[in-house]
């Protein structure tokens, strides 16, 4: 085999390996969860979380301390973000989608207090339908905003990683047994 075909074969092999690695993405995690492969979805979410945490030079112990402190604050007293209390849930003739819509809106809001509160609600009530929303938080690229409620003194990186940790914890809580 000459050098040129060998080099081409190596290049193709490397490209195929790179393409295979790029399949481990957000849509793959959501699809894995929806197809009943919760373990695979959790593995992808954990890898993404660890990648973000490590890229921001944050220690897992520090992130967990911050998230646990925020959960404690939420359980002990009302936390009112800038702009006041959230709108009350309007019961539309007993429509079951009201809570779902509010929780989903909070998870996808990009605001730290709303994300932490909604993640706790999902975990505590076992709202498995919100798994794709939790995965979205873990894979979120944009920074999480300071909304004047929780983690106001935290750096943007710590606040964003804390939101990912809370979402990942909720996802682990609603997952079935391994």
N, C-alpha and C. Protein backbone atom coordinates (compact mmCIF):
# COMPACT_ATOMS: atom_id res chain seq x y z
N UNK A 1 0.85 -1.17 0.00
CA UNK A 1 0.00 0.00 0.00
C UNK A 1 0.90 1.23 0.00
N UNK A 2 0.60 2.14 -0.90
CA UNK A 2 1.43 3.34 -0.98
C UNK A 2 1.05 4.32 0.13
N UNK A 3 1.82 5.37 0.25
CA UNK A 3 1.62 6.35 1.31
C UNK A 3 0.30 7.10 1.14
N UNK A 4 -0.04 7.47 -0.09
CA UNK A 4 -1.24 8.26 -0.32
C UNK A 4 -2.51 7.51 0.09
N UNK A 5 -2.75 6.26 -0.36
CA UNK A 5 -3.95 5.55 0.10
C UNK A 5 -3.93 5.29 1.61
N UNK A 6 -2.76 5.04 2.17
CA UNK A 6 -2.67 4.81 3.61
C UNK A 6 -3.04 6.07 4.37
N UNK A 7 -2.55 7.22 3.90
CA UNK A 7 -2.89 8.49 4.54
C UNK A 7 -4.38 8.76 4.42
N UNK A 8 -4.95 8.46 3.27
CA UNK A 8 -6.39 8.65 3.08
C UNK A 8 -7.18 7.76 4.02
N UNK A 9 -6.75 6.52 4.16
CA UNK A 9 -7.44 5.59 5.05
C UNK A 9 -7.39 6.07 6.49
N UNK A 10 -6.23 6.56 6.91
CA UNK A 10 -6.09 7.07 8.28
C UNK A 10 -6.97 8.30 8.47
N UNK A 11 -7.01 9.19 7.48
CA UNK A 11 -7.84 10.39 7.56
C UNK A 11 -9.31 10.02 7.68
N UNK A 12 -9.77 9.09 6.87
CA UNK A 12 -11.17 8.65 6.93
C UNK A 12 -11.47 8.03 8.28
N UNK A 13 -10.57 7.22 8.80
CA UNK A 13 -10.77 6.60 10.11
C UNK A 13 -10.88 7.65 11.21
N UNK A 14 -10.02 8.66 11.16
CA UNK A 14 -10.08 9.74 12.16
C UNK A 14 -11.37 10.53 12.04
N UNK A 15 -11.81 10.82 10.82
CA UNK A 15 -13.07 11.54 10.63
C UNK A 15 -14.25 10.74 11.15
N UNK A 16 -14.27 9.45 10.88
CA UNK A 16 -15.35 8.61 11.38
C UNK A 16 -15.36 8.58 12.90
N UNK A 17 -14.19 8.51 13.50
CA UNK A 17 -14.11 8.52 14.97
C UNK A 17 -14.60 9.85 15.52
N UNK A 18 -14.24 10.95 14.87
CA UNK A 18 -14.69 12.27 15.32
C UNK A 18 -16.20 12.40 15.18
N UNK A 19 -16.75 11.90 14.08
CA UNK A 19 -18.20 11.95 13.88
C UNK A 19 -18.91 11.11 14.93
N UNK A 20 -18.38 9.95 15.22
CA UNK A 20 -19.00 9.09 16.23
C UNK A 20 -18.99 9.77 17.59
N UNK A 21 -17.91 10.46 17.92
CA UNK A 21 -17.83 11.18 19.19
C UNK A 21 -18.79 12.34 19.26
N UNK A 22 -19.06 12.98 18.13
CA UNK A 22 -19.95 14.14 18.14
C UNK A 22 -21.41 13.74 18.24
N UNK A 23 -21.70 12.43 18.18
CA UNK A 23 -23.08 11.99 18.35
C UNK A 23 -23.54 12.09 19.80
N UNK A 24 -22.60 12.18 20.73
CA UNK A 24 -22.93 12.28 22.15
C UNK A 24 -23.29 13.73 22.48
N UNK A 25 -24.44 14.14 22.06
CA UNK A 25 -24.86 15.52 22.20
C UNK A 25 -26.21 15.62 22.88
N UNK A 26 -26.67 16.83 23.00
CA UNK A 26 -27.97 17.11 23.59
C UNK A 26 -29.10 16.29 22.97
N UNK A 27 -29.25 16.29 21.64
CA UNK A 27 -30.36 15.50 21.08
C UNK A 27 -30.23 14.01 21.40
N UNK A 28 -29.00 13.52 21.47
CA UNK A 28 -28.80 12.11 21.80
C UNK A 28 -29.26 11.82 23.23
N UNK A 29 -28.98 12.74 24.15
CA UNK A 29 -29.41 12.54 25.54
C UNK A 29 -30.93 12.56 25.64
N UNK A 30 -31.57 13.52 24.97
CA UNK A 30 -33.03 13.59 25.01
C UNK A 30 -33.64 12.35 24.37
N UNK A 31 -33.13 11.96 23.22
CA UNK A 31 -33.65 10.77 22.54
C UNK A 31 -33.44 9.50 23.36
N UNK A 32 -32.30 9.41 24.02
CA UNK A 32 -32.04 8.25 24.87
C UNK A 32 -33.07 8.17 25.98
N UNK A 33 -33.35 9.31 26.63
CA UNK A 33 -34.34 9.31 27.71
C UNK A 33 -35.71 8.92 27.17
N UNK A 34 -36.11 9.53 26.08
CA UNK A 34 -37.44 9.26 25.52
C UNK A 34 -37.60 7.82 25.05
N UNK A 35 -36.51 7.18 24.68
CA UNK A 35 -36.60 5.79 24.21
C UNK A 35 -36.39 4.79 25.34
N UNK A 36 -36.38 5.28 26.58
CA UNK A 36 -36.28 4.40 27.73
C UNK A 36 -34.88 4.05 28.17
N UNK A 37 -33.88 4.65 27.54
CA UNK A 37 -32.49 4.40 27.91
C UNK A 37 -32.02 5.50 28.85
N UNK A 38 -32.61 5.51 30.03
CA UNK A 38 -32.33 6.57 31.01
C UNK A 38 -30.87 6.57 31.44
N UNK A 39 -30.28 5.40 31.57
CA UNK A 39 -28.87 5.30 31.96
C UNK A 39 -27.97 5.98 30.95
N UNK A 40 -28.26 5.79 29.67
CA UNK A 40 -27.45 6.43 28.62
C UNK A 40 -27.64 7.95 28.66
N UNK A 41 -28.87 8.39 28.87
CA UNK A 41 -29.14 9.83 28.95
C UNK A 41 -28.42 10.44 30.15
N UNK A 42 -28.47 9.75 31.28
CA UNK A 42 -27.77 10.25 32.47
C UNK A 42 -26.27 10.30 32.25
N UNK A 43 -25.73 9.29 31.60
CA UNK A 43 -24.28 9.29 31.34
C UNK A 43 -23.88 10.48 30.48
N UNK A 44 -24.66 10.77 29.44
CA UNK A 44 -24.35 11.93 28.58
C UNK A 44 -24.48 13.23 29.37
N UNK A 45 -25.52 13.34 30.20
CA UNK A 45 -25.71 14.56 30.99
C UNK A 45 -24.58 14.73 32.01
N UNK A 46 -24.18 13.65 32.63
CA UNK A 46 -23.08 13.72 33.60
C UNK A 46 -21.78 14.15 32.93
N UNK A 47 -21.51 13.61 31.75
CA UNK A 47 -20.30 13.99 31.01
C UNK A 47 -20.33 15.47 30.66
N UNK A 48 -21.48 15.95 30.20
CA UNK A 48 -21.60 17.36 29.83
C UNK A 48 -21.40 18.26 31.04
N UNK A 49 -22.05 17.90 32.15
CA UNK A 49 -21.90 18.67 33.38
C UNK A 49 -20.42 18.72 33.81
N UNK A 50 -19.77 17.56 33.83
CA UNK A 50 -18.37 17.50 34.25
C UNK A 50 -17.48 18.32 33.32
N UNK A 51 -17.78 18.29 32.04
CA UNK A 51 -16.99 19.06 31.08
C UNK A 51 -17.10 20.56 31.38
N UNK A 52 -18.32 21.05 31.62
CA UNK A 52 -18.51 22.47 31.95
C UNK A 52 -17.83 22.82 33.27
N UNK A 53 -18.03 21.99 34.28
CA UNK A 53 -17.44 22.26 35.59
C UNK A 53 -15.93 22.32 35.49
N UNK A 54 -15.34 21.34 34.83
CA UNK A 54 -13.88 21.30 34.71
C UNK A 54 -13.35 22.45 33.86
N UNK A 55 -14.06 22.82 32.82
CA UNK A 55 -13.63 23.93 31.97
C UNK A 55 -13.64 25.26 32.73
N UNK A 56 -14.45 25.33 33.78
CA UNK A 56 -14.51 26.55 34.58
C UNK A 56 -13.71 26.44 35.87
N UNK A 57 -12.90 25.39 35.99
CA UNK A 57 -12.03 25.19 37.16
C UNK A 57 -12.79 25.27 38.48
N UNK A 58 -13.95 24.63 38.53
CA UNK A 58 -14.73 24.60 39.76
C UNK A 58 -14.66 23.21 40.37
N UNK A 59 -14.52 23.18 41.68
CA UNK A 59 -14.48 21.90 42.40
C UNK A 59 -15.90 21.41 42.64
N UNK A 60 -16.10 20.11 42.52
CA UNK A 60 -17.43 19.52 42.73
C UNK A 60 -17.94 19.82 44.14
N UNK A 61 -17.06 19.78 45.13
CA UNK A 61 -17.47 20.05 46.51
C UNK A 61 -18.02 21.47 46.65
N UNK A 62 -17.39 22.43 45.99
CA UNK A 62 -17.86 23.82 46.04
C UNK A 62 -19.23 23.96 45.37
N UNK A 63 -19.39 23.34 44.23
CA UNK A 63 -20.67 23.42 43.51
C UNK A 63 -21.77 22.79 44.36
N UNK A 64 -21.51 21.63 44.92
CA UNK A 64 -22.51 20.96 45.75
C UNK A 64 -22.85 21.79 46.99
N UNK A 65 -21.85 22.42 47.59
CA UNK A 65 -22.09 23.27 48.77
C UNK A 65 -23.03 24.41 48.41
N UNK A 66 -22.79 25.04 47.27
CA UNK A 66 -23.62 26.16 46.83
C UNK A 66 -25.05 25.70 46.52
N UNK A 67 -25.17 24.59 45.81
CA UNK A 67 -26.51 24.08 45.45
C UNK A 67 -27.26 23.64 46.71
N UNK A 68 -26.59 22.96 47.62
CA UNK A 68 -27.25 22.54 48.86
C UNK A 68 -27.69 23.75 49.68
N UNK A 69 -26.87 24.79 49.72
CA UNK A 69 -27.25 26.01 50.43
C UNK A 69 -28.45 26.68 49.80
N UNK A 70 -28.50 26.70 48.48
CA UNK A 70 -29.65 27.29 47.79
C UNK A 70 -30.91 26.48 48.04
N UNK A 71 -30.80 25.16 48.02
CA UNK A 71 -31.96 24.31 48.32
C UNK A 71 -32.46 24.56 49.74
N UNK A 72 -31.52 24.70 50.67
CA UNK A 72 -31.89 24.98 52.05
C UNK A 72 -32.63 26.30 52.16
N UNK A 73 -32.14 27.31 51.46
CA UNK A 73 -32.80 28.62 51.48
C UNK A 73 -34.21 28.52 50.91
N UNK A 74 -34.38 27.76 49.84
CA UNK A 74 -35.71 27.60 49.23
C UNK A 74 -36.67 26.87 50.16
N UNK A 75 -36.16 25.94 50.94
CA UNK A 75 -37.04 25.16 51.82
C UNK A 75 -37.39 25.89 53.11
N UNK A 76 -36.59 26.89 53.48
CA UNK A 76 -36.79 27.57 54.75
C UNK A 76 -37.59 28.86 54.66
N UNK A 77 -37.50 29.53 53.53
CA UNK A 77 -38.16 30.84 53.42
C UNK A 77 -38.48 31.13 51.96
N UNK A 78 -39.47 31.98 51.74
CA UNK A 78 -39.75 32.37 50.35
C UNK A 78 -38.59 33.19 49.79
N UNK A 79 -38.19 32.90 48.61
CA UNK A 79 -37.13 33.64 47.94
C UNK A 79 -37.77 34.39 46.78
N UNK A 80 -37.74 35.72 46.88
CA UNK A 80 -38.39 36.54 45.87
C UNK A 80 -37.33 37.15 44.97
N UNK A 81 -37.29 36.74 43.71
CA UNK A 81 -36.32 37.34 42.79
C UNK A 81 -36.72 38.76 42.42
N UNK A 82 -35.79 39.47 41.81
CA UNK A 82 -36.08 40.81 41.32
C UNK A 82 -37.32 40.75 40.44
N UNK A 83 -38.19 41.71 40.54
CA UNK A 83 -39.40 41.71 39.73
C UNK A 83 -40.60 41.16 40.47
N UNK A 84 -40.39 40.69 41.70
CA UNK A 84 -41.51 40.23 42.50
C UNK A 84 -41.78 38.75 42.38
N UNK A 85 -42.89 38.36 42.97
CA UNK A 85 -43.28 36.96 42.99
C UNK A 85 -43.69 36.49 41.60
N UNK A 86 -43.53 35.19 41.35
CA UNK A 86 -44.01 34.67 40.07
C UNK A 86 -45.52 34.77 40.00
N UNK A 87 -46.03 34.81 38.80
CA UNK A 87 -47.48 34.87 38.61
C UNK A 87 -48.11 33.61 39.17
N UNK A 88 -49.26 33.76 39.82
CA UNK A 88 -49.92 32.56 40.34
C UNK A 88 -50.34 31.64 39.20
N UNK A 89 -50.41 30.35 39.51
CA UNK A 89 -50.83 29.39 38.50
C UNK A 89 -52.33 29.54 38.31
N UNK A 90 -52.73 29.85 37.11
CA UNK A 90 -54.15 29.99 36.81
C UNK A 90 -54.72 28.61 36.52
N UNK A 91 -55.71 28.23 37.31
CA UNK A 91 -56.35 26.94 37.08
C UNK A 91 -57.40 27.15 36.00
N UNK A 92 -57.14 26.55 34.86
CA UNK A 92 -58.04 26.71 33.72
C UNK A 92 -59.04 25.56 33.72
N UNK A 93 -60.11 25.73 34.48
CA UNK A 93 -61.12 24.68 34.59
C UNK A 93 -60.49 23.34 34.97
N UNK A 94 -59.55 23.39 35.88
CA UNK A 94 -58.90 22.17 36.34
C UNK A 94 -57.94 21.57 35.35
N UNK A 95 -57.49 22.34 34.37
CA UNK A 95 -56.57 21.81 33.36
C UNK A 95 -55.28 21.34 34.01
N UNK A 96 -54.86 20.11 33.71
CA UNK A 96 -53.66 19.57 34.36
C UNK A 96 -52.36 20.19 33.86
N UNK A 97 -52.40 20.94 32.78
CA UNK A 97 -51.17 21.47 32.21
C UNK A 97 -50.64 22.72 32.87
N UNK A 98 -51.38 23.31 33.81
CA UNK A 98 -50.95 24.57 34.40
C UNK A 98 -49.62 24.44 35.13
N UNK A 99 -49.50 23.47 36.03
CA UNK A 99 -48.24 23.27 36.75
C UNK A 99 -47.13 22.91 35.79
N UNK A 100 -47.43 22.04 34.85
CA UNK A 100 -46.42 21.63 33.86
C UNK A 100 -45.87 22.84 33.12
N UNK A 101 -46.75 23.73 32.70
CA UNK A 101 -46.32 24.90 31.95
C UNK A 101 -45.44 25.83 32.78
N UNK A 102 -45.81 26.02 34.04
CA UNK A 102 -45.04 26.90 34.92
C UNK A 102 -43.66 26.30 35.20
N UNK A 103 -43.62 25.02 35.51
CA UNK A 103 -42.34 24.36 35.81
C UNK A 103 -41.45 24.39 34.58
N UNK A 104 -42.00 24.07 33.43
CA UNK A 104 -41.21 24.08 32.20
C UNK A 104 -40.69 25.50 31.92
N UNK A 105 -41.55 26.49 32.07
CA UNK A 105 -41.13 27.87 31.86
C UNK A 105 -40.00 28.28 32.78
N UNK A 106 -40.08 27.85 34.04
CA UNK A 106 -39.02 28.18 35.00
C UNK A 106 -37.71 27.46 34.66
N UNK A 107 -37.79 26.19 34.29
CA UNK A 107 -36.57 25.45 33.94
C UNK A 107 -35.86 26.08 32.74
N UNK A 108 -36.62 26.56 31.79
CA UNK A 108 -36.03 27.09 30.56
C UNK A 108 -35.85 28.61 30.59
N UNK A 109 -36.11 29.24 31.74
CA UNK A 109 -36.09 30.70 31.85
C UNK A 109 -34.71 31.32 31.77
N UNK A 110 -33.68 30.58 32.17
CA UNK A 110 -32.35 31.16 32.22
C UNK A 110 -32.10 31.98 33.47
N UNK A 111 -33.02 31.92 34.45
CA UNK A 111 -32.89 32.66 35.71
C UNK A 111 -32.62 31.65 36.83
N UNK A 112 -31.62 31.93 37.63
CA UNK A 112 -31.14 30.96 38.61
C UNK A 112 -32.18 30.56 39.64
N UNK A 113 -32.89 31.50 40.23
CA UNK A 113 -33.87 31.14 41.26
C UNK A 113 -34.97 30.26 40.69
N UNK A 114 -35.45 30.62 39.52
CA UNK A 114 -36.51 29.84 38.88
C UNK A 114 -36.03 28.43 38.55
N UNK A 115 -34.81 28.31 38.04
CA UNK A 115 -34.27 26.99 37.69
C UNK A 115 -34.09 26.13 38.93
N UNK A 116 -33.53 26.69 40.00
CA UNK A 116 -33.33 25.92 41.22
C UNK A 116 -34.66 25.49 41.83
N UNK A 117 -35.63 26.40 41.85
CA UNK A 117 -36.95 26.08 42.40
C UNK A 117 -37.62 24.98 41.57
N UNK A 118 -37.63 25.13 40.27
CA UNK A 118 -38.28 24.15 39.40
C UNK A 118 -37.58 22.80 39.46
N UNK A 119 -36.26 22.79 39.54
CA UNK A 119 -35.53 21.52 39.65
C UNK A 119 -35.93 20.79 40.93
N UNK A 120 -36.08 21.52 42.01
CA UNK A 120 -36.50 20.91 43.27
C UNK A 120 -37.92 20.37 43.18
N UNK A 121 -38.81 21.11 42.54
CA UNK A 121 -40.19 20.66 42.37
C UNK A 121 -40.23 19.36 41.56
N UNK A 122 -39.49 19.33 40.46
CA UNK A 122 -39.45 18.13 39.61
C UNK A 122 -38.94 16.93 40.40
N UNK A 123 -37.86 17.11 41.15
CA UNK A 123 -37.28 16.00 41.92
C UNK A 123 -38.23 15.55 43.02
N UNK A 124 -38.78 16.50 43.77
CA UNK A 124 -39.63 16.15 44.92
C UNK A 124 -40.96 15.54 44.52
N UNK A 125 -41.50 15.96 43.38
CA UNK A 125 -42.79 15.42 42.93
C UNK A 125 -42.64 14.29 41.92
N UNK A 126 -41.40 14.00 41.52
CA UNK A 126 -41.17 12.92 40.57
C UNK A 126 -41.80 13.19 39.21
N UNK A 127 -41.68 14.41 38.73
CA UNK A 127 -42.30 14.81 37.47
C UNK A 127 -41.43 14.39 36.29
N UNK A 128 -41.51 13.12 35.93
CA UNK A 128 -40.66 12.55 34.88
C UNK A 128 -40.85 13.20 33.52
N UNK A 129 -41.99 13.78 33.27
CA UNK A 129 -42.23 14.42 31.98
C UNK A 129 -41.28 15.59 31.74
N UNK A 130 -40.66 16.09 32.80
CA UNK A 130 -39.75 17.24 32.67
C UNK A 130 -38.30 16.83 32.43
N UNK A 131 -38.04 15.55 32.23
CA UNK A 131 -36.67 15.10 31.98
C UNK A 131 -36.03 15.82 30.79
N UNK A 132 -36.71 15.97 29.65
CA UNK A 132 -36.07 16.70 28.54
C UNK A 132 -35.73 18.15 28.90
N UNK A 133 -36.56 18.78 29.74
CA UNK A 133 -36.27 20.16 30.16
C UNK A 133 -35.04 20.19 31.07
N UNK A 134 -34.90 19.21 31.95
CA UNK A 134 -33.72 19.13 32.80
C UNK A 134 -32.47 18.90 31.97
N UNK A 135 -32.57 18.04 30.97
CA UNK A 135 -31.44 17.80 30.07
C UNK A 135 -31.07 19.08 29.35
N UNK A 136 -32.08 19.86 28.97
CA UNK A 136 -31.83 21.15 28.31
C UNK A 136 -31.02 22.07 29.22
N UNK A 137 -31.35 22.10 30.50
CA UNK A 137 -30.60 22.94 31.45
C UNK A 137 -29.15 22.47 31.53
N UNK A 138 -28.93 21.18 31.61
CA UNK A 138 -27.57 20.65 31.71
C UNK A 138 -26.75 21.01 30.47
N UNK A 139 -27.36 20.97 29.30
CA UNK A 139 -26.64 21.24 28.05
C UNK A 139 -26.69 22.72 27.65
N UNK A 140 -27.30 23.56 28.46
CA UNK A 140 -27.45 24.98 28.15
C UNK A 140 -26.09 25.63 27.92
N UNK A 141 -25.97 26.38 26.85
CA UNK A 141 -24.72 27.06 26.51
C UNK A 141 -24.65 28.47 27.09
N UNK A 142 -25.79 29.14 27.19
CA UNK A 142 -25.81 30.52 27.66
C UNK A 142 -25.65 30.57 29.18
N UNK A 143 -25.04 31.64 29.69
CA UNK A 143 -24.91 31.76 31.14
C UNK A 143 -26.27 31.95 31.80
N UNK A 144 -26.37 31.52 33.04
CA UNK A 144 -27.61 31.66 33.81
C UNK A 144 -27.59 33.02 34.49
N UNK A 145 -28.70 33.73 34.40
CA UNK A 145 -28.78 35.11 34.88
C UNK A 145 -28.98 35.19 36.39
N UNK A 146 -28.42 36.23 36.97
CA UNK A 146 -28.67 36.60 38.36
C UNK A 146 -30.02 37.31 38.36
N UNK A 147 -30.98 36.74 39.08
CA UNK A 147 -32.31 37.35 39.09
C UNK A 147 -32.62 38.04 40.42
N UNK A 148 -31.59 38.22 41.25
CA UNK A 148 -31.78 38.93 42.51
C UNK A 148 -32.33 38.06 43.63
N UNK A 149 -32.52 36.78 43.38
CA UNK A 149 -33.05 35.88 44.40
C UNK A 149 -31.93 35.11 45.07
N UNK A 150 -31.56 34.00 44.47
CA UNK A 150 -30.51 33.14 45.01
C UNK A 150 -29.20 33.34 44.26
N UNK A 151 -28.10 33.06 44.94
CA UNK A 151 -26.75 33.09 44.36
C UNK A 151 -26.40 34.44 43.72
N UNK A 152 -26.85 35.51 44.34
CA UNK A 152 -26.57 36.84 43.78
C UNK A 152 -25.10 37.19 43.84
N UNK A 153 -24.38 36.64 44.80
CA UNK A 153 -22.96 36.94 44.94
C UNK A 153 -22.07 35.97 44.16
N UNK A 154 -22.66 34.94 43.60
CA UNK A 154 -21.87 33.93 42.88
C UNK A 154 -21.41 34.46 41.53
N UNK A 155 -20.28 33.95 41.07
CA UNK A 155 -19.80 34.30 39.74
C UNK A 155 -20.76 33.72 38.70
N UNK A 156 -20.68 34.25 37.50
CA UNK A 156 -21.53 33.74 36.41
C UNK A 156 -21.26 32.25 36.20
N UNK A 157 -19.98 31.87 36.24
CA UNK A 157 -19.62 30.46 36.04
C UNK A 157 -20.22 29.58 37.13
N UNK A 158 -20.06 29.98 38.38
CA UNK A 158 -20.58 29.17 39.49
C UNK A 158 -22.11 29.10 39.44
N UNK A 159 -22.74 30.22 39.14
CA UNK A 159 -24.21 30.24 39.04
C UNK A 159 -24.69 29.30 37.93
N UNK A 160 -24.03 29.34 36.79
CA UNK A 160 -24.42 28.49 35.66
C UNK A 160 -24.18 27.02 35.95
N UNK A 161 -23.05 26.70 36.58
CA UNK A 161 -22.75 25.31 36.92
C UNK A 161 -23.68 24.82 38.02
N UNK A 162 -24.05 25.69 38.95
CA UNK A 162 -25.00 25.30 40.00
C UNK A 162 -26.35 24.94 39.40
N UNK A 163 -26.78 25.69 38.39
CA UNK A 163 -28.05 25.36 37.72
C UNK A 163 -27.96 23.99 37.06
N UNK A 164 -26.84 23.72 36.41
CA UNK A 164 -26.63 22.41 35.77
C UNK A 164 -26.62 21.29 36.81
N UNK A 165 -25.95 21.52 37.95
CA UNK A 165 -25.89 20.51 39.01
C UNK A 165 -27.29 20.22 39.56
N UNK A 166 -28.07 21.28 39.80
CA UNK A 166 -29.42 21.09 40.33
C UNK A 166 -30.29 20.31 39.34
N UNK A 167 -30.16 20.63 38.06
CA UNK A 167 -30.93 19.92 37.03
C UNK A 167 -30.48 18.46 36.94
N UNK A 168 -29.18 18.23 37.01
CA UNK A 168 -28.66 16.86 36.96
C UNK A 168 -29.12 16.07 38.18
N UNK A 169 -29.10 16.68 39.36
CA UNK A 169 -29.59 16.02 40.57
C UNK A 169 -31.06 15.63 40.42
N UNK A 170 -31.86 16.53 39.87
CA UNK A 170 -33.29 16.24 39.66
C UNK A 170 -33.47 15.11 38.65
N UNK A 171 -32.67 15.14 37.60
CA UNK A 171 -32.74 14.08 36.58
C UNK A 171 -32.40 12.72 37.20
N UNK A 172 -31.38 12.70 38.04
CA UNK A 172 -31.01 11.46 38.72
C UNK A 172 -32.12 11.00 39.67
N UNK A 173 -32.80 11.96 40.31
CA UNK A 173 -33.87 11.61 41.25
C UNK A 173 -35.08 10.99 40.54
N UNK A 174 -35.38 11.44 39.33
CA UNK A 174 -36.57 10.91 38.65
C UNK A 174 -36.27 9.70 37.77
N UNK A 175 -35.00 9.39 37.60
CA UNK A 175 -34.63 8.23 36.78
C UNK A 175 -35.02 6.95 37.52
N UNK A 176 -35.33 5.96 36.75
CA UNK A 176 -35.63 4.66 37.34
C UNK A 176 -34.37 4.01 37.87
N UNK A 177 -34.50 2.85 38.49
CA UNK A 177 -33.31 2.16 38.99
C UNK A 177 -32.39 1.76 37.85
N UNK A 178 -31.08 1.75 38.10
CA UNK A 178 -30.12 1.45 37.03
C UNK A 178 -30.27 0.05 36.47
